[in-house]
Amino acid sequence: MLDVIENTMYKYIDTATTTTIEHTKWGVNDIVKLSVKLSVKLSVNQTKILKLIISNNYITIKEMAERIKISETAIQNNLSKLKIAGIIIRVGSDKSGYWKIVET
């Protein structure tokens, strides 16, 4: 399945390489553009999660759950979907790591 997503991502890339950008360069419009570029429809909660990551890339799952007002399990499920779609990655450990939004 990851191969299908990866191949889909490369269809929309102007260059042959992908680059990772810092979270501070992302805005709400960039999230929409990324989801269109990847042919991925983001849910309302996934969009909220991405906004939280943009504002604080060291945010924890517990903090996300409290701010969005959904369960930690729901946050984990949405993060998993975002990772599979290649939109975010986790850099470092669960405790001291941070989230990074990947630009393709």
C-alpha atoms as a PDB file:
ATOM      1  CA  MET A   1       0.000   0.000   0.000  1.00  0.00           C
ATOM      2  CA  LEU A   2       2.849   2.385   0.759  1.00  0.00           C
ATOM      3  CA  ASP A   3       4.157   1.823  -2.767  1.00  0.00           C
ATOM      4  CA  VAL A   4       0.819   2.969  -4.196  1.00  0.00           C
ATOM      5  CA  ILE A   5       0.830   6.098  -2.040  1.00  0.00           C
ATOM      6  CA  GLU A   6       4.467   6.777  -2.849  1.00  0.00           C
ATOM      7  CA  ASN A   7       3.838   6.405  -6.593  1.00  0.00           C
ATOM      8  CA  THR A   8       0.820   8.697  -6.333  1.00  0.00           C
ATOM      9  CA  MET A   9       2.917  11.296  -4.534  1.00  0.00           C
ATOM     10  CA  TYR A  10       5.553  11.319  -7.247  1.00  0.00           C
ATOM     11  CA  LYS A  11       2.947  11.988  -9.951  1.00  0.00           C
ATOM     12  CA  TYR A  12       2.444  15.438  -8.507  1.00  0.00           C
ATOM     13  CA  ILE A  13       6.060  16.380  -7.962  1.00  0.00           C
ATOM     14  CA  ASP A  14       7.685  18.785 -10.370  1.00  0.00           C
ATOM     15  CA  THR A  15      11.199  17.652  -9.478  1.00  0.00           C
ATOM     16  CA  ALA A  16      12.658  14.208  -8.962  1.00  0.00           C
ATOM     17  CA  THR A  17      13.389  14.723  -5.276  1.00  0.00           C
ATOM     18  CA  THR A  18      11.378  15.392  -2.164  1.00  0.00           C
ATOM     19  CA  THR A  19      12.342  17.903   0.449  1.00  0.00           C
ATOM     20  CA  THR A  20      11.404  18.302   4.061  1.00  0.00           C
ATOM     21  CA  ILE A  21      10.603  21.777   5.295  1.00  0.00           C
ATOM     22  CA  GLU A  22      10.371  23.215   8.769  1.00  0.00           C
ATOM     23  CA  HIS A  23       6.950  23.461  10.399  1.00  0.00           C
ATOM     24  CA  THR A  24       7.147  27.244  10.700  1.00  0.00           C
ATOM     25  CA  LYS A  25       6.881  27.667   6.938  1.00  0.00           C
ATOM     26  CA  TRP A  26       3.484  25.933   6.782  1.00  0.00           C
ATOM     27  CA  GLY A  27       0.143  27.671   6.744  1.00  0.00           C
ATOM     28  CA  VAL A  28      -3.438  26.448   6.552  1.00  0.00           C
ATOM     29  CA  ASN A  29      -3.514  26.939   2.775  1.00  0.00           C
ATOM     30  CA  ASP A  30      -0.391  24.794   2.472  1.00  0.00           C
ATOM     31  CA  ILE A  31      -2.176  21.925   4.250  1.00  0.00           C
ATOM     32  CA  VAL A  32      -5.037  22.122   1.760  1.00  0.00           C
ATOM     33  CA  LYS A  33      -2.614  22.268  -1.177  1.00  0.00           C
ATOM     34  CA  LEU A  34      -0.677  19.264   0.179  1.00  0.00           C
ATOM     35  CA  SER A  35      -3.819  17.173   0.602  1.00  0.00           C
ATOM     36  CA  VAL A  36      -4.884  18.009  -2.978  1.00  0.00           C
ATOM     37  CA  LYS A  37      -1.385  17.327  -4.310  1.00  0.00           C
ATOM     38  CA  LEU A  38      -1.347  13.897  -2.653  1.00  0.00           C
ATOM     39  CA  SER A  39      -4.975  13.162  -3.614  1.00  0.00           C
ATOM     40  CA  VAL A  40      -5.712  12.634   0.073  1.00  0.00           C
ATOM     41  CA  LYS A  41      -8.896  13.939   1.617  1.00  0.00           C
ATOM     42  CA  LEU A  42      -8.123  15.059   5.147  1.00  0.00           C
ATOM     43  CA  SER A  43     -10.752  14.751   7.840  1.00  0.00           C
ATOM     44  CA  VAL A  44     -11.638  17.672  10.074  1.00  0.00           C
ATOM     45  CA  ASN A  45      -9.672  16.120  12.942  1.00  0.00           C
ATOM     46  CA  GLN A  46      -6.627  15.465  10.749  1.00  0.00           C
ATOM     47  CA  THR A  47      -6.654  19.103   9.665  1.00  0.00           C
ATOM     48  CA  LYS A  48      -6.880  20.191  13.319  1.00  0.00           C
ATOM     49  CA  ILE A  49      -3.981  17.886  14.194  1.00  0.00           C
ATOM     50  CA  LEU A  50      -1.839  19.376  11.411  1.00  0.00           C
ATOM     51  CA  LYS A  51      -2.650  22.903  12.637  1.00  0.00           C
ATOM     52  CA  LEU A  52      -1.551  21.924  16.149  1.00  0.00           C
ATOM     53  CA  ILE A  53       1.683  20.429  14.793  1.00  0.00           C
ATOM     54  CA  ILE A  54       2.324  23.631  12.842  1.00  0.00           C
ATOM     55  CA  SER A  55       1.894  25.715  15.988  1.00  0.00           C
ATOM     56  CA  ASN A  56       4.012  23.369  18.159  1.00  0.00           C
ATOM     57  CA  ASN A  57       5.846  20.467  16.578  1.00  0.00           C
ATOM     58  CA  TYR A  58       6.762  19.095  20.031  1.00  0.00           C
ATOM     59  CA  ILE A  59       3.082  18.676  20.998  1.00  0.00           C
ATOM     60  CA  THR A  60       2.133  15.378  22.642  1.00  0.00           C
ATOM     61  CA  ILE A  61      -0.767  13.093  21.805  1.00  0.00           C
ATOM     62  CA  LYS A  62      -2.291  13.879  25.184  1.00  0.00           C
ATOM     63  CA  GLU A  63      -2.145  17.634  24.516  1.00  0.00           C
ATOM     64  CA  MET A  64      -3.679  17.144  21.060  1.00  0.00           C
ATOM     65  CA  ALA A  65      -6.530  15.108  22.541  1.00  0.00           C
ATOM     66  CA  GLU A  66      -7.233  17.767  25.162  1.00  0.00           C
ATOM     67  CA  ARG A  67      -7.222  20.640  22.660  1.00  0.00           C
ATOM     68  CA  ILE A  68      -9.276  18.905  19.964  1.00  0.00           C
ATOM     69  CA  LYS A  69     -11.510  17.222  22.549  1.00  0.00           C
ATOM     70  CA  ILE A  70     -11.274  13.700  21.166  1.00  0.00           C
ATOM     71  CA  SER A  71      -9.729  10.573  22.687  1.00  0.00           C
ATOM     72  CA  GLU A  72      -6.018   9.804  22.603  1.00  0.00           C
ATOM     73  CA  THR A  73      -6.849   6.666  20.606  1.00  0.00           C
ATOM     74  CA  ALA A  74      -8.594   8.791  17.965  1.00  0.00           C
ATOM     75  CA  ILE A  75      -5.507  11.036  17.808  1.00  0.00           C
ATOM     76  CA  GLN A  76      -3.235   7.998  17.391  1.00  0.00           C
ATOM     77  CA  ASN A  77      -5.453   6.624  14.602  1.00  0.00           C
ATOM     78  CA  ASN A  78      -5.430   9.945  12.752  1.00  0.00           C
ATOM     79  CA  LEU A  79      -1.662  10.328  13.178  1.00  0.00           C
ATOM     80  CA  SER A  80      -1.219   6.829  11.788  1.00  0.00           C
ATOM     81  CA  LYS A  81      -3.266   7.742   8.701  1.00  0.00           C
ATOM     82  CA  LEU A  82      -1.240  10.930   8.226  1.00  0.00           C
ATOM     83  CA  LYS A  83       2.011   8.942   8.489  1.00  0.00           C
ATOM     84  CA  ILE A  84       0.833   6.329   5.976  1.00  0.00           C
ATOM     85  CA  ALA A  85      -0.171   9.101   3.573  1.00  0.00           C
ATOM     86  CA  GLY A  86       3.350  10.518   3.878  1.00  0.00           C
ATOM     87  CA  ILE A  87       2.164  13.860   5.258  1.00  0.00           C
ATOM     88  CA  ILE A  88       3.961  13.716   8.607  1.00  0.00           C
ATOM     89  CA  ILE A  89       6.846  11.860  10.182  1.00  0.00           C
ATOM     90  CA  ARG A  90       8.007  11.497  13.757  1.00  0.00           C
ATOM     91  CA  VAL A  91      11.634  12.504  14.273  1.00  0.00           C
ATOM     92  CA  GLY A  92      13.309  11.115  17.370  1.00  0.00           C
ATOM     93  CA  SER A  93      11.822   9.183  20.245  1.00  0.00           C
ATOM     94  CA  ASP A  94       8.243   9.172  21.466  1.00  0.00           C
ATOM     95  CA  LYS A  95       9.231  11.151  24.539  1.00  0.00           C
ATOM     96  CA  SER A  96      11.710  13.723  23.254  1.00  0.00           C
ATOM     97  CA  GLY A  97      11.019  13.702  19.510  1.00  0.00           C
ATOM     98  CA  TYR A  98       8.996  16.063  17.372  1.00  0.00           C
ATOM     99  CA  TRP A  99       6.605  16.014  14.406  1.00  0.00           C
ATOM    100  CA  LYS A 100       7.686  17.108  10.950  1.00  0.00           C
ATOM    101  CA  ILE A 101       5.411  17.860   8.012  1.00  0.00           C
ATOM    102  CA  VAL A 102       6.903  16.493   4.794  1.00  0.00           C
ATOM    103  CA  GLU A 103       6.628  18.443   1.561  1.00  0.00           C
ATOM    104  CA  THR A 104       6.653  16.484  -1.656  1.00  0.00           C
END
